[in-house]
Protein backbone atom coordinates (compact mmCIF):
# COMPACT_ATOMS: atom_id res chain seq x y z
CA MET A 1 -3.55 -4.08 -22.40
CA ASN A 2 -6.10 -1.31 -21.94
CA ALA A 3 -4.98 1.90 -23.68
CA GLU A 4 -6.35 4.15 -20.95
CA ARG A 5 -4.50 2.20 -18.28
CA ILE A 6 -1.24 2.49 -20.27
CA LYS A 7 -1.80 6.24 -20.64
CA LYS A 8 -2.30 6.70 -16.90
CA ALA A 9 0.62 4.48 -15.98
CA SER A 10 2.90 6.24 -18.45
CA ALA A 11 1.90 9.62 -16.99
CA VAL A 12 2.76 8.40 -13.50
CA TYR A 13 6.05 6.81 -14.54
CA PHE A 14 7.34 9.72 -16.61
CA THR A 15 6.38 12.15 -13.88
CA LEU A 16 8.49 10.04 -11.53
CA LEU A 17 11.37 10.12 -14.02
CA LYS A 18 11.18 13.90 -14.07
CA GLU A 19 10.42 14.64 -10.40
CA LYS A 20 11.88 11.51 -8.71
CA VAL A 21 9.18 11.79 -6.04
CA ILE A 22 5.37 12.05 -6.12
CA ASP A 23 3.66 12.93 -2.84
CA GLU A 24 0.11 12.48 -1.62
CA ASN A 25 -0.92 15.90 -2.92
CA SER A 26 -0.36 14.89 -6.55
CA GLU A 27 -3.14 13.50 -8.64
CA HIS A 28 -0.64 10.91 -9.90
CA PHE A 29 -0.28 9.54 -6.36
CA GLN A 30 -3.92 8.50 -6.22
CA ILE A 31 -3.86 7.20 -9.80
CA TYR A 32 -0.82 5.05 -9.03
CA PHE A 33 -2.62 3.02 -6.41
CA ASP A 34 -5.25 1.82 -8.84
CA PRO A 35 -4.22 -1.86 -8.89
CA GLU A 36 -4.05 -2.13 -12.68
CA VAL A 37 -2.17 1.17 -13.08
CA ARG A 38 0.25 0.20 -10.32
CA GLN A 39 0.97 -3.14 -11.99
CA THR A 40 1.73 -1.37 -15.28
CA VAL A 41 3.97 1.22 -13.61
CA LEU A 42 5.90 -1.53 -11.82
CA LEU A 43 6.32 -3.33 -15.13
CA LEU A 44 7.68 -0.15 -16.76
CA ALA A 45 10.06 0.31 -13.85
CA ASP A 46 11.29 -3.25 -13.96
CA GLU A 47 11.87 -3.18 -17.73
CA SER A 48 13.89 0.03 -17.51
CA GLY A 49 15.96 -1.06 -14.52
CA THR A 50 14.36 1.28 -12.02
CA TYR A 51 12.67 0.64 -8.71
CA ILE A 52 9.60 2.10 -7.03
CA ILE A 53 9.68 2.88 -3.32
CA GLU A 54 6.20 3.07 -1.80
CA SER A 55 5.44 4.75 1.51
CA PRO A 56 2.18 6.04 3.02
CA LYS A 57 2.63 9.61 1.75
CA ARG A 58 4.84 9.39 -1.31
CA ILE A 59 6.34 7.18 -3.97
CA GLN A 60 9.91 7.49 -5.22
CA LEU A 61 11.78 6.27 -8.29
CA VAL A 62 15.35 5.11 -7.97
CA VAL A 63 17.78 3.49 -10.37
CA GLN A 64 18.74 -0.12 -9.74
CA PRO A 65 22.50 -0.67 -9.19
CA THR A 66 22.87 -2.77 -12.34
CA GLY A 67 21.01 -3.34 -15.57
CA SER A 68 19.31 0.05 -15.79
CA VAL A 69 19.00 2.06 -18.99
CA PHE A 70 19.47 5.13 -16.75
CA ALA A 71 22.60 3.89 -14.99
CA THR A 72 25.64 6.11 -15.27
CA ASN A 73 29.30 5.20 -15.04
CA PHE A 74 32.02 7.25 -13.38
CA THR A 75 32.68 9.30 -16.54
CA HIS A 76 29.05 10.27 -16.85
CA MET A 77 28.94 11.18 -13.19
CA LYS A 78 31.93 13.43 -13.66
CA ASP A 79 30.14 15.17 -16.56
CA LYS A 80 27.05 15.74 -14.45
CA HIS A 81 28.82 16.60 -11.18
CA LYS A 82 31.91 18.63 -11.94
CA GLN A 83 33.03 18.53 -8.30
CA ILE A 84 34.05 14.87 -8.68
CA GLU A 85 37.47 15.40 -10.25
CA THR A 86 39.15 11.99 -9.89
CA LYS A 87 38.42 8.52 -8.66
CA LYS A 88 40.02 9.29 -5.31
CA HIS A 89 37.58 12.20 -4.88
CA PHE A 90 34.77 9.85 -5.87
CA HIS A 91 35.86 7.37 -3.21
CA LEU A 92 36.20 10.06 -0.58
CA ILE A 93 32.79 11.49 -1.41
CA SER A 94 31.32 7.99 -1.13
CA VAL A 95 32.84 7.60 2.34
CA ILE A 96 31.52 11.03 3.39
CA ILE A 97 28.02 10.26 2.19
CA MET A 98 28.07 6.83 3.82
CA SER A 99 29.29 8.34 7.08
CA PHE A 100 26.41 10.82 6.93
CA LEU A 101 23.89 8.05 6.23
CA ALA A 102 25.27 5.86 9.05
CA GLY A 103 24.98 8.85 11.38
CA ILE A 104 21.25 9.21 10.77
CA ASP A 105 20.42 5.52 10.26
CA ARG A 106 20.41 4.57 13.91
CA ASN A 107 17.70 4.49 16.53
CA GLN A 108 14.47 6.45 16.34
CA ALA A 109 15.74 9.12 18.71
CA ALA A 110 18.73 9.80 16.45
CA LYS A 111 16.47 10.02 13.42
CA ILE A 112 14.18 12.53 15.12
CA ARG A 113 17.10 14.62 16.30
CA THR A 114 18.90 14.74 12.96
CA LYS A 115 15.64 15.51 11.14
CA ARG A 116 15.08 18.43 13.51
CA GLU A 117 18.64 19.70 13.97
CA GLY A 118 20.62 18.22 11.09
CA ILE A 119 24.35 17.47 11.11
CA SER A 120 26.77 20.32 10.69
CA PHE A 121 29.53 20.06 8.09
CA TYR A 122 32.09 20.52 10.84
CA THR A 123 30.70 17.61 12.90
CA LEU A 124 30.70 15.47 9.78
CA GLU A 125 34.31 16.45 9.10
CA ARG A 126 35.28 15.28 12.59
CA GLN A 127 33.39 12.04 12.15
CA VAL A 128 35.05 11.31 8.80
CA ASN A 129 38.46 12.27 10.16
CA ASP A 130 38.07 9.92 13.16
CA LEU A 131 36.95 7.15 10.84
CA ILE A 132 39.83 7.58 8.43
CA MET A 133 42.41 7.87 11.18
CA ASN A 134 41.03 4.59 12.56
CA TRP A 135 41.42 3.02 9.13
CA ASP A 136 44.96 4.37 9.00
CA SER A 137 45.80 2.62 12.29
CA ILE A 138 44.27 -0.64 11.07
CA LEU A 139 46.21 -0.50 7.79
CA LYS A 140 49.50 -0.35 9.69
CA ASN A 141 48.79 -3.80 11.13
CA GLN A 142 46.59 -5.11 8.33
CA PRO A 143 47.85 -3.82 4.95
CA GLY A 144 45.10 -5.72 3.17
CA PHE A 145 42.32 -4.05 5.12
CA GLY A 146 39.38 -3.23 2.87
CA GLU A 147 40.35 -5.60 0.08
CA GLU A 148 37.75 -8.21 0.99
CA GLN A 149 35.07 -5.50 1.05
CA LYS A 150 36.39 -4.08 -2.25
CA ILE A 151 37.12 -0.73 -0.65
CA ASP A 152 40.40 1.04 -1.49
CA ALA A 153 40.97 2.04 2.13
CA LYS A 154 44.64 2.93 1.53
CA GLU A 155 43.82 5.43 -1.24
CA VAL A 156 41.01 6.99 0.82
CA VAL A 157 43.27 7.38 3.87
CA THR A 158 46.13 8.87 1.84
CA ALA A 159 43.90 11.31 -0.04
CA TRP A 160 42.21 12.53 3.14
CA LYS A 161 45.38 12.83 5.22
CA TYR A 162 47.05 15.08 2.64
CA MET A 163 43.97 17.13 1.89
CA GLU A 164 44.12 20.73 3.04
CA VAL A 165 42.37 21.43 6.35
CA ASP A 166 40.13 24.46 6.02
CA THR A 167 40.83 27.70 7.76
CA GLU A 168 37.45 29.10 8.85
CA ASP A 169 35.00 28.71 5.94
CA TYR A 170 37.42 29.08 3.07
CA GLY A 171 36.44 25.79 1.47
CA LEU A 172 32.81 26.82 1.43
CA LYS A 173 32.90 30.44 0.37
CA LYS A 174 35.67 30.04 -2.15
CA GLY A 175 34.22 26.83 -3.54
CA ASN A 176 37.51 25.08 -2.77
CA ARG A 177 36.75 21.43 -3.33
CA ARG A 178 40.32 20.43 -2.48
CA THR A 179 39.80 21.13 1.21
CA ARG A 180 38.05 18.76 3.60
CA ILE A 181 35.08 21.00 4.28
CA GLY A 182 34.89 21.92 0.63
CA LEU A 183 34.71 18.24 -0.33
CA ILE A 184 32.03 17.66 2.31
CA ALA A 185 30.05 20.53 0.84
CA SER A 186 30.34 18.85 -2.56
CA ALA A 187 29.17 15.53 -1.17
CA MET A 188 26.17 17.15 0.48
CA LYS A 189 25.40 19.00 -2.74
CA LEU A 190 24.94 15.64 -4.45
CA LEU A 191 22.31 14.62 -1.90
CA GLU A 192 20.71 18.07 -2.04
CA THR A 193 20.46 17.88 -5.84
CA GLU A 194 18.66 14.57 -5.52
CA GLY A 195 16.12 16.14 -3.14
CA LEU A 196 17.24 13.98 -0.20
CA ILE A 197 18.49 16.76 2.12
CA TYR A 198 18.44 20.50 2.32
CA VAL A 199 21.36 22.61 3.49
CA LEU A 200 20.78 25.26 6.09
CA ASP A 201 23.45 27.89 6.71
CA GLN A 202 22.91 29.87 9.91
CA ALA A 203 25.63 31.82 11.69
CA ASP A 204 28.21 30.43 9.24
CA ILE A 205 27.50 26.87 10.44
CA PRO A 206 26.20 24.93 7.43
CA LYS A 207 24.05 21.93 8.32
CA ALA A 208 22.69 19.07 6.25
CA ILE A 209 19.05 18.43 7.19
CA PRO A 210 17.69 15.03 5.99
CA ARG A 211 14.34 15.07 4.25
CA GLN A 212 11.73 12.41 4.84
CA GLU A 213 12.46 11.08 1.38
CA LEU A 214 15.95 10.10 2.56
CA PHE A 215 14.68 8.22 5.61
CA GLU A 216 12.18 6.38 3.39
CA ARG A 217 14.86 5.49 0.91
CA ILE A 218 17.01 4.08 3.73
CA ASP A 219 14.13 2.11 5.23
CA TYR A 220 12.51 0.84 2.05
CA LEU A 221 15.55 0.39 -0.20
CA TYR A 222 19.05 0.60 1.28
CA HIS A 223 18.37 -1.89 4.07
CA ASP A 224 17.72 -4.52 1.40
CA TYR A 225 21.27 -4.24 0.09
CA ASP A 226 24.01 -6.24 1.80
CA ARG A 227 26.59 -3.79 0.42
CA TYR A 228 24.97 -0.91 2.27
CA GLU A 229 24.90 -2.81 5.55
CA LEU A 230 28.54 -3.90 5.08
CA PHE A 231 29.72 -0.34 4.38
CA LYS A 232 27.59 1.03 7.21
CA LYS A 233 29.26 -1.38 9.65
CA LEU A 234 32.69 -0.25 8.47
CA VAL A 235 31.95 3.43 9.00
CA THR A 236 29.80 3.27 12.13
CA PRO A 237 31.69 4.38 15.27
CA GLU A 238 31.54 2.38 18.45
CA GLU A 239 28.68 3.28 20.78
CA GLY A 240 29.48 6.41 22.73
CA GLU A 241 31.73 8.04 20.14
CA HIS A 242 30.75 11.34 18.53
CA ALA A 243 28.22 12.01 21.25
CA GLU A 244 28.44 15.76 20.80
CA ASN A 245 25.51 17.70 19.47
CA PRO A 246 25.53 17.03 15.68
CA SER A 247 24.22 20.49 14.97
CA ASN A 248 27.51 22.07 16.12
């Protein structure tokens, strides 16, 4: 294998490891699309258990769900993200993030609106609460609900129902992760840290604004996973629900 090609491919790949995203303004973006360099980068990604997402204006590097040398288990995630205190918090944060993704992964009009206006933490709290109360009702008639999908619905419902409801913005300003809004802030922080959203706080109404990188990850990666589509179906409200302005 040509040494110069390996050097270029390594520069691209390790830049992706560091930055996660390379856009069209980077010299590495143009280098990547040299067919021989691209082939070598894809080989490096495959061997290390990572995956390249290609779009017209950027490339992204993500970790494959299994078999990656960069994969982290729950303990490692707790070390990196201190806000995830227990497995029940991890499950709740997963539901919050999935509810957020389902809210923006709809029709084109919804994508344009959420990209422009975002979704406020308070709207997201209402959506998650409606979802979990619906799960609570289902569990009363179907105690095994969620087992087939390998989702601990009962634990999620119990944890959420007995979580403190915030008074004003206490959960945000005090960093109280044990309140509903505080936990939502923690969940959004995970996405923000990954460069997938940015959080805008105007007039004490924090909003999560999706970045283009998140839409591309949904379109070019998540839709290929049956697990994502299954979970999305579970958390997506019926048409007509939550029709209020998501920015409020």
